């Protein structure tokens, strides 16, 4: 991947995560007197930094961070690997099984969860307890899994907004100034849009379905997170609402087979009225679909009927396991090759 020489301010989360994998980490909580990792040591070696579909949009930004970090630590070389969102979970599972996880991982909460529950990533509350006060509490707690207080440093967060195609909304006789505030209201608006215009209100995907379940008050799991709890009146209400809406044309016809991220394409093409997404997508719509952008309006994100709005978080995690390809170079005290620039506790 081509590297830009543009310099950008170094994001603390990136710097800390890369530094943790690049310097000596001692025996870890179980082997240290105070229950903390020893992060003293030389910052040197090669580090692989893996992100989820940030290229090419953020090439200048990420390469700027890498340049600044390498300037501060000239003995370190950072290799940036960007992977598509689709298939990331499968790749992470395969890499974890083979012991070849990247040194620093940009992951969403759902993809990170199996690694955290298996103890395959550092607990940032242990290795960097002082960082906690730098983050919004809900972001810090997003990466809590059992005994792991936070499996990753919060890096970038989305509090979703509701993007509207006002042309479609107005054609349906609805007021863009009075948008839906919950997913249940979105379903009602979409039904009206289908009836009045023959177009869809929105395109649900797997990600949207999860948010809708939360918004409808579906508990998903029991209190100790040991069993799924989805067979509830709230879930039945959601399924019935979606089934009726699908029959009426209120959601895009290919919603059941649509891939994650395809909903932005559907919105850009003017096929749906609403798009529940992060604010960063507005710029993408402006660049890719200027005609749709002319009719675009942004409203407050859809709130949950149960617990209020949620934060969608990505975090930077550092694995605790030694890549299998580096076993011959692992040092006896840390289980990770100094030559690869990482030294983490042995599993």
C-alpha atoms as a PDB file:
ATOM      1  CA  UNK A   1       0.000   0.000   0.000  1.00  0.00           C
ATOM      2  CA  UNK A   2       1.369   3.411  -0.946  1.00  0.00           C
ATOM      3  CA  UNK A   3       2.413   5.493   2.015  1.00  0.00           C
ATOM      4  CA  UNK A   4       1.595   9.185   2.325  1.00  0.00           C
ATOM      5  CA  UNK A   5       4.060  11.567   3.959  1.00  0.00           C
ATOM      6  CA  UNK A   6       1.279  13.763   5.329  1.00  0.00           C
ATOM      7  CA  UNK A   7       1.637  14.355   9.070  1.00  0.00           C
ATOM      8  CA  UNK A   8      -1.444  14.258  11.263  1.00  0.00           C
ATOM      9  CA  UNK A   9      -1.880  14.504  15.033  1.00  0.00           C
ATOM     10  CA  UNK A  10      -1.210  11.163  16.670  1.00  0.00           C
ATOM     11  CA  UNK A  11      -4.384   9.645  18.142  1.00  0.00           C
ATOM     12  CA  UNK A  12      -3.542   8.502  21.703  1.00  0.00           C
ATOM     13  CA  UNK A  13      -5.381   5.189  21.372  1.00  0.00           C
ATOM     14  CA  UNK A  14      -3.363   4.204  18.306  1.00  0.00           C
ATOM     15  CA  UNK A  15      -0.081   5.265  19.869  1.00  0.00           C
ATOM     16  CA  UNK A  16      -0.734   3.391  23.101  1.00  0.00           C
ATOM     17  CA  UNK A  17      -1.957   0.203  21.424  1.00  0.00           C
ATOM     18  CA  UNK A  18       1.022   0.077  19.081  1.00  0.00           C
ATOM     19  CA  UNK A  19       3.427   0.913  21.902  1.00  0.00           C
ATOM     20  CA  UNK A  20       2.013  -1.878  24.087  1.00  0.00           C
ATOM     21  CA  UNK A  21       2.745  -4.423  21.392  1.00  0.00           C
ATOM     22  CA  UNK A  22       6.135  -2.911  20.575  1.00  0.00           C
ATOM     23  CA  UNK A  23       7.651  -2.805  24.046  1.00  0.00           C
ATOM     24  CA  UNK A  24       8.461  -5.451  26.632  1.00  0.00           C
ATOM     25  CA  UNK A  25       5.467  -6.809  28.513  1.00  0.00           C
ATOM     26  CA  UNK A  26       6.277  -8.895  31.554  1.00  0.00           C
ATOM     27  CA  UNK A  27       4.684 -12.067  32.867  1.00  0.00           C
ATOM     28  CA  UNK A  28       1.260 -10.434  33.176  1.00  0.00           C
ATOM     29  CA  UNK A  29      -1.243 -10.188  35.996  1.00  0.00           C
ATOM     30  CA  UNK A  30      -0.887 -13.778  37.100  1.00  0.00           C
ATOM     31  CA  UNK A  31       2.860 -13.524  37.327  1.00  0.00           C
ATOM     32  CA  UNK A  32       3.362 -10.041  38.713  1.00  0.00           C
ATOM     33  CA  UNK A  33       3.129  -8.966  42.308  1.00  0.00           C
ATOM     34  CA  UNK A  34       0.789  -6.050  41.765  1.00  0.00           C
ATOM     35  CA  UNK A  35      -1.398  -7.711  39.150  1.00  0.00           C
ATOM     36  CA  UNK A  36      -0.281  -5.359  36.379  1.00  0.00           C
ATOM     37  CA  UNK A  37       1.695  -5.851  33.200  1.00  0.00           C
ATOM     38  CA  UNK A  38       5.221  -4.488  33.069  1.00  0.00           C
ATOM     39  CA  UNK A  39       5.272  -2.289  29.973  1.00  0.00           C
ATOM     40  CA  UNK A  40       8.878  -1.204  30.311  1.00  0.00           C
ATOM     41  CA  UNK A  41      11.264  -2.088  27.541  1.00  0.00           C
ATOM     42  CA  UNK A  42      12.651  -1.002  24.200  1.00  0.00           C
ATOM     43  CA  UNK A  43      10.138   0.036  21.561  1.00  0.00           C
ATOM     44  CA  UNK A  44      11.534  -1.726  18.523  1.00  0.00           C
ATOM     45  CA  UNK A  45      10.649  -4.194  15.794  1.00  0.00           C
ATOM     46  CA  UNK A  46       7.997  -4.823  13.143  1.00  0.00           C
ATOM     47  CA  UNK A  47       4.313  -4.377  13.973  1.00  0.00           C
ATOM     48  CA  UNK A  48       1.279  -5.366  11.948  1.00  0.00           C
ATOM     49  CA  UNK A  49      -1.668  -3.003  12.350  1.00  0.00           C
ATOM     50  CA  UNK A  50      -4.935  -4.431  10.957  1.00  0.00           C
ATOM     51  CA  UNK A  51      -8.003  -2.271  10.327  1.00  0.00           C
ATOM     52  CA  UNK A  52     -11.510  -2.902   8.986  1.00  0.00           C
ATOM     53  CA  UNK A  53     -12.258  -1.273   5.612  1.00  0.00           C
ATOM     54  CA  UNK A  54     -10.704   2.119   6.295  1.00  0.00           C
ATOM     55  CA  UNK A  55      -8.813   2.246   2.989  1.00  0.00           C
ATOM     56  CA  UNK A  56      -8.852   4.202   0.712  1.00  0.00           C
ATOM     57  CA  UNK A  57     -11.064   6.755   2.494  1.00  0.00           C
ATOM     58  CA  UNK A  58      -8.668   7.195   5.423  1.00  0.00           C
ATOM     59  CA  UNK A  59      -5.331   6.451   3.708  1.00  0.00           C
ATOM     60  CA  UNK A  60      -3.871   9.888   4.426  1.00  0.00           C
ATOM     61  CA  UNK A  61      -5.024   9.802   8.034  1.00  0.00           C
ATOM     62  CA  UNK A  62      -3.743   6.305   8.872  1.00  0.00           C
ATOM     63  CA  UNK A  63      -0.467   6.735   6.995  1.00  0.00           C
ATOM     64  CA  UNK A  64       0.027  10.037   8.777  1.00  0.00           C
ATOM     65  CA  UNK A  65      -0.361   8.301  12.140  1.00  0.00           C
ATOM     66  CA  UNK A  66       2.111   5.626  11.126  1.00  0.00           C
ATOM     67  CA  UNK A  67       4.643   8.170   9.877  1.00  0.00           C
ATOM     68  CA  UNK A  68       4.427  10.149  13.084  1.00  0.00           C
ATOM     69  CA  UNK A  69       4.762   7.026  15.229  1.00  0.00           C
ATOM     70  CA  UNK A  70       7.769   5.751  13.272  1.00  0.00           C
ATOM     71  CA  UNK A  71       9.401   9.178  13.528  1.00  0.00           C
ATOM     72  CA  UNK A  72       9.011   9.052  17.298  1.00  0.00           C
ATOM     73  CA  UNK A  73      10.207   5.426  17.459  1.00  0.00           C
ATOM     74  CA  UNK A  74      12.743   5.006  14.642  1.00  0.00           C
ATOM     75  CA  UNK A  75      13.428   1.369  15.576  1.00  0.00           C
ATOM     76  CA  UNK A  76       9.819   0.435  14.760  1.00  0.00           C
ATOM     77  CA  UNK A  77       8.326  -0.422  11.370  1.00  0.00           C
ATOM     78  CA  UNK A  78       4.534  -0.541  11.157  1.00  0.00           C
ATOM     79  CA  UNK A  79       2.825  -2.539   8.414  1.00  0.00           C
ATOM     80  CA  UNK A  80      -0.769  -1.490   7.824  1.00  0.00           C
ATOM     81  CA  UNK A  81      -3.144  -4.216   6.620  1.00  0.00           C
ATOM     82  CA  UNK A  82      -6.722  -3.223   5.775  1.00  0.00           C
ATOM     83  CA  UNK A  83      -9.333  -5.970   5.349  1.00  0.00           C
ATOM     84  CA  UNK A  84     -12.960  -5.824   4.080  1.00  0.00           C
ATOM     85  CA  UNK A  85     -15.713  -5.766   6.669  1.00  0.00           C
ATOM     86  CA  UNK A  86     -17.371  -8.769   5.046  1.00  0.00           C
ATOM     87  CA  UNK A  87     -15.458 -11.839   6.167  1.00  0.00           C
ATOM     88  CA  UNK A  88     -13.496 -10.103   8.934  1.00  0.00           C
ATOM     89  CA  UNK A  89     -15.064 -12.251  11.669  1.00  0.00           C
ATOM     90  CA  UNK A  90     -14.127 -15.432   9.803  1.00  0.00           C
ATOM     91  CA  UNK A  91     -10.586 -14.163   9.236  1.00  0.00           C
ATOM     92  CA  UNK A  92     -10.149 -13.244  12.896  1.00  0.00           C
ATOM     93  CA  UNK A  93     -11.386 -16.681  13.988  1.00  0.00           C
ATOM     94  CA  UNK A  94      -8.982 -18.416  11.586  1.00  0.00           C
ATOM     95  CA  UNK A  95      -6.035 -16.226  12.599  1.00  0.00           C
ATOM     96  CA  UNK A  96      -6.747 -16.833  16.281  1.00  0.00           C
ATOM     97  CA  UNK A  97      -6.858 -20.590  15.733  1.00  0.00           C
ATOM     98  CA  UNK A  98      -3.548 -20.546  13.854  1.00  0.00           C
ATOM     99  CA  UNK A  99      -1.864 -18.098  16.220  1.00  0.00           C
ATOM    100  CA  UNK A 100      -1.351 -15.504  13.484  1.00  0.00           C
ATOM    101  CA  UNK A 101      -3.397 -12.542  14.687  1.00  0.00           C
ATOM    102  CA  UNK A 102      -2.042  -9.128  13.767  1.00  0.00           C
ATOM    103  CA  UNK A 103      -0.194  -7.278  16.533  1.00  0.00           C
ATOM    104  CA  UNK A 104      -2.802  -4.511  16.792  1.00  0.00           C
ATOM    105  CA  UNK A 105      -6.423  -5.091  15.748  1.00  0.00           C
ATOM    106  CA  UNK A 106      -9.120  -2.568  14.894  1.00  0.00           C
ATOM    107  CA  UNK A 107     -12.330  -4.487  15.675  1.00  0.00           C
ATOM    108  CA  UNK A 108     -15.973  -3.834  16.375  1.00  0.00           C
ATOM    109  CA  UNK A 109     -17.465  -5.168  19.600  1.00  0.00           C
ATOM    110  CA  UNK A 110     -19.108  -8.235  18.052  1.00  0.00           C
ATOM    111  CA  UNK A 111     -15.963  -9.411  16.254  1.00  0.00           C
ATOM    112  CA  UNK A 112     -13.807  -8.810  19.300  1.00  0.00           C
ATOM    113  CA  UNK A 113     -16.125 -10.665  21.702  1.00  0.00           C
ATOM    114  CA  UNK A 114     -14.872 -14.248  21.040  1.00  0.00           C
ATOM    115  CA  UNK A 115     -11.241 -13.173  21.473  1.00  0.00           C
ATOM    116  CA  UNK A 116     -11.990 -11.379  24.724  1.00  0.00           C
ATOM    117  CA  UNK A 117     -13.993 -14.247  26.199  1.00  0.00           C
ATOM    118  CA  UNK A 118     -11.162 -16.655  25.367  1.00  0.00           C
ATOM    119  CA  UNK A 119      -8.560 -14.404  27.004  1.00  0.00           C
ATOM    120  CA  UNK A 120      -6.782 -13.781  23.691  1.00  0.00           C
ATOM    121  CA  UNK A 121      -6.412  -9.994  24.086  1.00  0.00           C
ATOM    122  CA  UNK A 122      -4.928  -7.780  26.766  1.00  0.00           C
ATOM    123  CA  UNK A 123      -7.236  -6.188  29.312  1.00  0.00           C
ATOM    124  CA  UNK A 124      -6.591  -2.486  28.771  1.00  0.00           C
ATOM    125  CA  UNK A 125      -7.925  -1.737  32.242  1.00  0.00           C
ATOM    126  CA  UNK A 126      -4.916  -3.683  33.521  1.00  0.00           C
ATOM    127  CA  UNK A 127      -2.175  -2.556  31.150  1.00  0.00           C
ATOM    128  CA  UNK A 128      -3.352   1.044  30.888  1.00  0.00           C
ATOM    129  CA  UNK A 129      -5.667   1.806  33.786  1.00  0.00           C
ATOM    130  CA  UNK A 130      -4.829   5.504  33.553  1.00  0.00           C
ATOM    131  CA  UNK A 131      -6.475   5.674  30.126  1.00  0.00           C
ATOM    132  CA  UNK A 132      -9.967   5.060  31.461  1.00  0.00           C
ATOM    133  CA  UNK A 133     -10.633   8.690  32.374  1.00  0.00           C
ATOM    134  CA  UNK A 134      -9.943   9.745  28.779  1.00  0.00           C
ATOM    135  CA  UNK A 135     -13.025   7.991  27.428  1.00  0.00           C
ATOM    136  CA  UNK A 136     -16.780   8.269  27.616  1.00  0.00           C
ATOM    137  CA  UNK A 137     -17.916   5.638  30.108  1.00  0.00           C
ATOM    138  CA  UNK A 138     -20.278   3.939  27.649  1.00  0.00           C
ATOM    139  CA  UNK A 139     -17.432   3.569  25.131  1.00  0.00           C
ATOM    140  CA  UNK A 140     -15.076   2.092  27.738  1.00  0.00           C
ATOM    141  CA  UNK A 141     -17.755  -0.342  28.918  1.00  0.00           C
ATOM    142  CA  UNK A 142     -18.582  -1.405  25.355  1.00  0.00           C
ATOM    143  CA  UNK A 143     -15.598  -3.742  25.457  1.00  0.00           C
ATOM    144  CA  UNK A 144     -16.367  -5.394  28.801  1.00  0.00           C
ATOM    145  CA  UNK A 145     -16.572  -9.188  28.600  1.00  0.00           C
ATOM    146  CA  UNK A 146     -16.831 -11.182  31.826  1.00  0.00           C
ATOM    147  CA  UNK A 147     -13.633 -10.744  33.802  1.00  0.00           C
ATOM    148  CA  UNK A 148     -12.141  -8.478  31.115  1.00  0.00           C
ATOM    149  CA  UNK A 149     -13.023  -4.884  31.977  1.00  0.00           C
ATOM    150  CA  UNK A 150     -12.129  -3.512  28.559  1.00  0.00           C
ATOM    151  CA  UNK A 151     -10.713  -5.686  25.796  1.00  0.00           C
ATOM    152  CA  UNK A 152      -9.767  -2.747  23.576  1.00  0.00           C
ATOM    153  CA  UNK A 153      -9.036   0.953  23.718  1.00  0.00           C
ATOM    154  CA  UNK A 154     -12.038   2.802  22.257  1.00  0.00           C
ATOM    155  CA  UNK A 155     -10.864   4.293  18.983  1.00  0.00           C
ATOM    156  CA  UNK A 156     -13.698   5.587  16.861  1.00  0.00           C
ATOM    157  CA  UNK A 157     -17.325   5.797  17.867  1.00  0.00           C
ATOM    158  CA  UNK A 158     -20.589   6.381  16.091  1.00  0.00           C
ATOM    159  CA  UNK A 159     -23.740   7.678  17.647  1.00  0.00           C
ATOM    160  CA  UNK A 160     -26.067   7.038  14.698  1.00  0.00           C
ATOM    161  CA  UNK A 161     -28.043   9.761  12.980  1.00  0.00           C
ATOM    162  CA  UNK A 162     -31.090   9.430  10.731  1.00  0.00           C
ATOM    163  CA  UNK A 163     -30.412  10.527   7.163  1.00  0.00           C
ATOM    164  CA  UNK A 164     -33.494  11.365   5.082  1.00  0.00           C
ATOM    165  CA  UNK A 165     -34.272  11.836   1.410  1.00  0.00           C
ATOM    166  CA  UNK A 166     -36.687  14.728   1.898  1.00  0.00           C
ATOM    167  CA  UNK A 167     -38.011  14.425  -1.645  1.00  0.00           C
ATOM    168  CA  UNK A 168     -39.431  10.963  -0.948  1.00  0.00           C
ATOM    169  CA  UNK A 169     -40.628  11.941   2.526  1.00  0.00           C
ATOM    170  CA  UNK A 170     -42.519  14.960   1.190  1.00  0.00           C
ATOM    171  CA  UNK A 171     -43.990  12.967  -1.706  1.00  0.00           C
ATOM    172  CA  UNK A 172     -45.553  10.696   0.928  1.00  0.00           C
ATOM    173  CA  UNK A 173     -47.152  13.668   2.667  1.00  0.00           C
ATOM    174  CA  UNK A 174     -44.822  13.402   5.673  1.00  0.00           C
ATOM    175  CA  UNK A 175     -42.946  16.268   7.303  1.00  0.00           C
ATOM    176  CA  UNK A 176     -39.105  15.984   7.272  1.00  0.00           C
ATOM    177  CA  UNK A 177     -39.117  18.270  10.312  1.00  0.00           C
ATOM    178  CA  UNK A 178     -41.019  15.587  12.243  1.00  0.00           C
ATOM    179  CA  UNK A 179     -38.952  12.443  11.583  1.00  0.00           C
ATOM    180  CA  UNK A 180     -39.409   9.041  13.256  1.00  0.00           C
ATOM    181  CA  UNK A 181     -37.738   8.838  16.647  1.00  0.00           C
ATOM    182  CA  UNK A 182     -37.738   5.061  17.153  1.00  0.00           C
ATOM    183  CA  UNK A 183     -37.586   2.021  14.911  1.00  0.00           C
ATOM    184  CA  UNK A 184     -41.266   1.384  15.597  1.00  0.00           C
ATOM    185  CA  UNK A 185     -42.037   4.863  14.258  1.00  0.00           C
ATOM    186  CA  UNK A 186     -39.710   4.228  11.299  1.00  0.00           C
ATOM    187  CA  UNK A 187     -41.817   1.185  10.427  1.00  0.00           C
ATOM    188  CA  UNK A 188     -44.984   3.330  10.540  1.00  0.00           C
ATOM    189  CA  UNK A 189     -43.450   6.036   8.345  1.00  0.00           C
ATOM    190  CA  UNK A 190     -42.182   3.414   5.899  1.00  0.00           C
ATOM    191  CA  UNK A 191     -45.656   1.931   5.589  1.00  0.00           C
ATOM    192  CA  UNK A 192     -47.034   5.353   4.668  1.00  0.00           C
ATOM    193  CA  UNK A 193     -44.232   5.924   2.141  1.00  0.00           C
ATOM    194  CA  UNK A 194     -44.935   2.586   0.462  1.00  0.00           C
ATOM    195  CA  UNK A 195     -48.650   3.337   0.278  1.00  0.00           C
ATOM    196  CA  UNK A 196     -48.283   6.886  -1.037  1.00  0.00           C
ATOM    197  CA  UNK A 197     -45.201   6.615  -3.295  1.00  0.00           C
ATOM    198  CA  UNK A 198     -44.596   2.934  -4.027  1.00  0.00           C
ATOM    199  CA  UNK A 199     -41.071   3.289  -2.644  1.00  0.00           C
ATOM    200  CA  UNK A 200     -39.464   1.743   0.414  1.00  0.00           C
ATOM    201  CA  UNK A 201     -38.894   3.496   3.692  1.00  0.00           C
ATOM    202  CA  UNK A 202     -35.541   1.857   4.479  1.00  0.00           C
ATOM    203  CA  UNK A 203     -33.386  -1.202   3.892  1.00  0.00           C
ATOM    204  CA  UNK A 204     -32.768  -3.305   7.001  1.00  0.00           C
ATOM    205  CA  UNK A 205     -29.624  -5.452   7.140  1.00  0.00           C
ATOM    206  CA  UNK A 206     -28.261  -7.828   9.771  1.00  0.00           C
ATOM    207  CA  UNK A 207     -26.795  -4.835  11.633  1.00  0.00           C
ATOM    208  CA  UNK A 208     -30.091  -2.966  11.456  1.00  0.00           C
ATOM    209  CA  UNK A 209     -31.999  -6.005  12.701  1.00  0.00           C
ATOM    210  CA  UNK A 210     -29.870  -6.157  15.849  1.00  0.00           C
ATOM    211  CA  UNK A 211     -30.463  -2.467  16.517  1.00  0.00           C
ATOM    212  CA  UNK A 212     -34.178  -2.934  15.894  1.00  0.00           C
ATOM    213  CA  UNK A 213     -34.330  -5.792  18.390  1.00  0.00           C
ATOM    214  CA  UNK A 214     -32.713  -3.596  21.019  1.00  0.00           C
ATOM    215  CA  UNK A 215     -35.020  -0.711  20.147  1.00  0.00           C
ATOM    216  CA  UNK A 216     -38.098  -2.915  20.476  1.00  0.00           C
ATOM    217  CA  UNK A 217     -36.898  -4.033  23.918  1.00  0.00           C
ATOM    218  CA  UNK A 218     -35.853  -7.586  23.009  1.00  0.00           C
ATOM    219  CA  UNK A 219     -33.443  -8.711  25.795  1.00  0.00           C
ATOM    220  CA  UNK A 220     -31.233 -10.871  23.459  1.00  0.00           C
ATOM    221  CA  UNK A 221     -29.436 -12.643  26.339  1.00  0.00           C
ATOM    222  CA  UNK A 222     -30.147 -13.447  29.985  1.00  0.00           C
ATOM    223  CA  UNK A 223     -28.561 -11.541  32.860  1.00  0.00           C
ATOM    224  CA  UNK A 224     -25.481 -13.780  33.176  1.00  0.00           C
ATOM    225  CA  UNK A 225     -25.011 -13.958  29.379  1.00  0.00           C
ATOM    226  CA  UNK A 226     -25.315 -17.744  29.231  1.00  0.00           C
ATOM    227  CA  UNK A 227     -28.448 -18.116  27.097  1.00  0.00           C
ATOM    228  CA  UNK A 228     -30.141 -16.318  24.232  1.00  0.00           C
ATOM    229  CA  UNK A 229     -33.470 -14.719  25.083  1.00  0.00           C
ATOM    230  CA  UNK A 230     -35.268 -13.746  21.883  1.00  0.00           C
ATOM    231  CA  UNK A 231     -38.545 -15.666  22.103  1.00  0.00           C
ATOM    232  CA  UNK A 232     -40.407 -12.756  23.655  1.00  0.00           C
ATOM    233  CA  UNK A 233     -43.532 -10.713  22.884  1.00  0.00           C
ATOM    234  CA  UNK A 234     -41.283  -7.836  21.825  1.00  0.00           C
ATOM    235  CA  UNK A 235     -39.471 -10.025  19.291  1.00  0.00           C
ATOM    236  CA  UNK A 236     -42.776 -11.338  17.922  1.00  0.00           C
ATOM    237  CA  UNK A 237     -44.007  -7.781  17.504  1.00  0.00           C
ATOM    238  CA  UNK A 238     -40.869  -6.890  15.542  1.00  0.00           C
ATOM    239  CA  UNK A 239     -41.107  -9.928  13.263  1.00  0.00           C
ATOM    240  CA  UNK A 240     -44.763  -9.247  12.542  1.00  0.00           C
ATOM    241  CA  UNK A 241     -44.067  -5.569  11.822  1.00  0.00           C
ATOM    242  CA  UNK A 242     -41.249  -6.411   9.403  1.00  0.00           C
ATOM    243  CA  UNK A 243     -43.240  -9.151   7.668  1.00  0.00           C
ATOM    244  CA  UNK A 244     -46.193  -6.849   7.084  1.00  0.00           C
ATOM    245  CA  UNK A 245     -43.909  -4.030   5.950  1.00  0.00           C
ATOM    246  CA  UNK A 246     -42.139  -6.344   3.518  1.00  0.00           C
ATOM    247  CA  UNK A 247     -45.430  -7.449   1.998  1.00  0.00           C
ATOM    248  CA  UNK A 248     -46.467  -3.810   1.562  1.00  0.00           C
ATOM    249  CA  UNK A 249     -43.162  -2.787  -0.061  1.00  0.00           C
ATOM    250  CA  UNK A 250     -42.126  -0.618   2.861  1.00  0.00           C
ATOM    251  CA  UNK A 251     -38.638  -2.103   2.965  1.00  0.00           C
ATOM    252  CA  UNK A 252     -36.348  -2.723   0.006  1.00  0.00           C
ATOM    253  CA  UNK A 253     -37.146  -5.977  -1.813  1.00  0.00           C
ATOM    254  CA  UNK A 254     -33.594  -7.351  -1.494  1.00  0.00           C
ATOM    255  CA  UNK A 255     -33.292  -6.600   2.223  1.00  0.00           C
ATOM    256  CA  UNK A 256     -33.221 -10.277   3.218  1.00  0.00           C
ATOM    257  CA  UNK A 257     -30.127 -10.956   1.065  1.00  0.00           C
ATOM    258  CA  UNK A 258     -28.441  -7.543   1.228  1.00  0.00           C
ATOM    259  CA  UNK A 259     -24.857  -7.374   2.421  1.00  0.00           C
ATOM    260  CA  UNK A 260     -23.738  -5.044   5.233  1.00  0.00           C
ATOM    261  CA  UNK A 261     -22.892  -1.581   3.864  1.00  0.00           C
ATOM    262  CA  UNK A 262     -25.122  -2.084   0.817  1.00  0.00           C
ATOM    263  CA  UNK A 263     -27.784   0.082   2.451  1.00  0.00           C
ATOM    264  CA  UNK A 264     -25.782   3.218   1.633  1.00  0.00           C
ATOM    265  CA  UNK A 265     -25.870   2.291  -2.058  1.00  0.00           C
ATOM    266  CA  UNK A 266     -29.625   1.784  -1.911  1.00  0.00           C
ATOM    267  CA  UNK A 267     -30.061   5.199  -0.283  1.00  0.00           C
ATOM    268  CA  UNK A 268     -27.710   6.896  -2.741  1.00  0.00           C
ATOM    269  CA  UNK A 269     -29.722   5.504  -5.655  1.00  0.00           C
ATOM    270  CA  UNK A 270     -32.866   7.167  -4.273  1.00  0.00           C
ATOM    271  CA  UNK A 271     -34.669   3.895  -3.620  1.00  0.00           C
ATOM    272  CA  UNK A 272     -35.382   4.443   0.085  1.00  0.00           C
ATOM    273  CA  UNK A 273     -36.346   7.434   2.229  1.00  0.00           C
ATOM    274  CA  UNK A 274     -34.406   6.792   5.444  1.00  0.00           C
ATOM    275  CA  UNK A 275     -30.907   5.617   6.324  1.00  0.00           C
ATOM    276  CA  UNK A 276     -29.878   5.018   9.951  1.00  0.00           C
ATOM    277  CA  UNK A 277     -26.103   5.420   9.953  1.00  0.00           C
ATOM    278  CA  UNK A 278     -23.054   7.231  11.299  1.00  0.00           C
ATOM    279  CA  UNK A 279     -22.464  10.909  10.466  1.00  0.00           C
ATOM    280  CA  UNK A 280     -19.362  10.073   8.391  1.00  0.00           C
ATOM    281  CA  UNK A 281     -21.581   8.526   5.696  1.00  0.00           C
ATOM    282  CA  UNK A 282     -23.007  11.955   4.836  1.00  0.00           C
ATOM    283  CA  UNK A 283     -19.717  12.951   3.209  1.00  0.00           C
ATOM    284  CA  UNK A 284     -19.680   9.712   1.213  1.00  0.00           C
ATOM    285  CA  UNK A 285     -23.211  10.382  -0.056  1.00  0.00           C
ATOM    286  CA  UNK A 286     -22.216  13.921  -1.046  1.00  0.00           C
ATOM    287  CA  UNK A 287     -19.269  12.604  -3.071  1.00  0.00           C
ATOM    288  CA  UNK A 288     -20.991   9.628  -4.699  1.00  0.00           C
ATOM    289  CA  UNK A 289     -24.563  10.846  -5.181  1.00  0.00           C
ATOM    290  CA  UNK A 290     -24.764  14.656  -5.459  1.00  0.00           C
ATOM    291  CA  UNK A 291     -28.364  14.535  -6.729  1.00  0.00           C
ATOM    292  CA  UNK A 292     -29.505  12.568  -3.688  1.00  0.00           C
ATOM    293  CA  UNK A 293     -27.437  14.840  -1.458  1.00  0.00           C
ATOM    294  CA  UNK A 294     -29.434  17.856  -2.651  1.00  0.00           C
ATOM    295  CA  UNK A 295     -32.520  16.348  -0.983  1.00  0.00           C
ATOM    296  CA  UNK A 296     -30.689  15.135   2.104  1.00  0.00           C
ATOM    297  CA  UNK A 297     -31.533  16.111   5.672  1.00  0.00           C
ATOM    298  CA  UNK A 298     -30.096  14.779   8.930  1.00  0.00           C
ATOM    299  CA  UNK A 299     -32.088  14.177  12.116  1.00  0.00           C
ATOM    300  CA  UNK A 300     -31.317  12.815  15.561  1.00  0.00           C
ATOM    301  CA  UNK A 301     -30.639   9.084  15.578  1.00  0.00           C
ATOM    302  CA  UNK A 302     -33.365   6.574  16.315  1.00  0.00           C
ATOM    303  CA  UNK A 303     -33.578   6.073  20.067  1.00  0.00           C
ATOM    304  CA  UNK A 304     -34.311   2.876  21.911  1.00  0.00           C
ATOM    305  CA  UNK A 305     -37.686   2.515  23.589  1.00  0.00           C
ATOM    306  CA  UNK A 306     -35.878   0.612  26.326  1.00  0.00           C
ATOM    307  CA  UNK A 307     -32.572   2.269  27.197  1.00  0.00           C
ATOM    308  CA  UNK A 308     -31.978   5.340  25.021  1.00  0.00           C
ATOM    309  CA  UNK A 309     -29.483   5.846  22.200  1.00  0.00           C
ATOM    310  CA  UNK A 310     -26.482   3.558  21.872  1.00  0.00           C
ATOM    311  CA  UNK A 311     -22.844   4.026  20.919  1.00  0.00           C
ATOM    312  CA  UNK A 312     -21.380   1.922  18.116  1.00  0.00           C
ATOM    313  CA  UNK A 313     -17.729   1.415  19.015  1.00  0.00           C
ATOM    314  CA  UNK A 314     -14.573   0.185  17.340  1.00  0.00           C
ATOM    315  CA  UNK A 315     -11.552  -0.448  19.514  1.00  0.00           C
ATOM    316  CA  UNK A 316      -7.852  -1.253  19.287  1.00  0.00           C
ATOM    317  CA  UNK A 317      -6.965  -4.627  20.779  1.00  0.00           C
ATOM    318  CA  UNK A 318      -3.585  -6.252  21.371  1.00  0.00           C
ATOM    319  CA  UNK A 319      -3.481 -10.071  21.291  1.00  0.00           C
ATOM    320  CA  UNK A 320      -1.860 -12.020  24.111  1.00  0.00           C
ATOM    321  CA  UNK A 321      -0.824 -14.953  21.931  1.00  0.00           C
ATOM    322  CA  UNK A 322       2.351 -15.491  19.984  1.00  0.00           C
ATOM    323  CA  UNK A 323       2.010 -15.934  16.199  1.00  0.00           C
ATOM    324  CA  UNK A 324       2.876 -19.497  15.244  1.00  0.00           C
ATOM    325  CA  UNK A 325       5.249 -18.293  12.533  1.00  0.00           C
ATOM    326  CA  UNK A 326       7.316 -16.510  15.156  1.00  0.00           C
ATOM    327  CA  UNK A 327       7.642 -19.292  17.740  1.00  0.00           C
ATOM    328  CA  UNK A 328      11.288 -19.864  16.940  1.00  0.00           C
ATOM    329  CA  UNK A 329      12.010 -16.212  17.716  1.00  0.00           C
ATOM    330  CA  UNK A 330       9.954 -15.858  20.878  1.00  0.00           C
ATOM    331  CA  UNK A 331      11.851 -14.742  23.922  1.00  0.00           C
ATOM    332  CA  UNK A 332      11.605 -16.846  27.069  1.00  0.00           C
ATOM    333  CA  UNK A 333      10.187 -14.121  29.299  1.00  0.00           C
ATOM    334  CA  UNK A 334       7.450 -12.689  27.128  1.00  0.00           C
ATOM    335  CA  UNK A 335       6.344 -15.157  24.501  1.00  0.00           C
ATOM    336  CA  UNK A 336       6.557 -12.717  21.606  1.00  0.00           C
ATOM    337  CA  UNK A 337       9.510 -12.017  19.344  1.00  0.00           C
ATOM    338  CA  UNK A 338      11.356  -8.777  19.963  1.00  0.00           C
ATOM    339  CA  UNK A 339      12.206  -8.822  16.307  1.00  0.00           C
ATOM    340  CA  UNK A 340       8.484  -8.583  15.474  1.00  0.00           C
ATOM    341  CA  UNK A 341       8.340  -5.670  17.865  1.00  0.00           C
ATOM    342  CA  UNK A 342       5.966  -7.258  20.350  1.00  0.00           C
ATOM    343  CA  UNK A 343       6.337  -8.908  23.705  1.00  0.00           C
ATOM    344  CA  UNK A 344       3.127 -10.055  25.330  1.00  0.00           C
ATOM    345  CA  UNK A 345       2.410 -12.531  28.124  1.00  0.00           C
ATOM    346  CA  UNK A 346       2.356 -16.184  27.201  1.00  0.00           C
ATOM    347  CA  UNK A 347      -1.101 -17.786  27.089  1.00  0.00           C
END
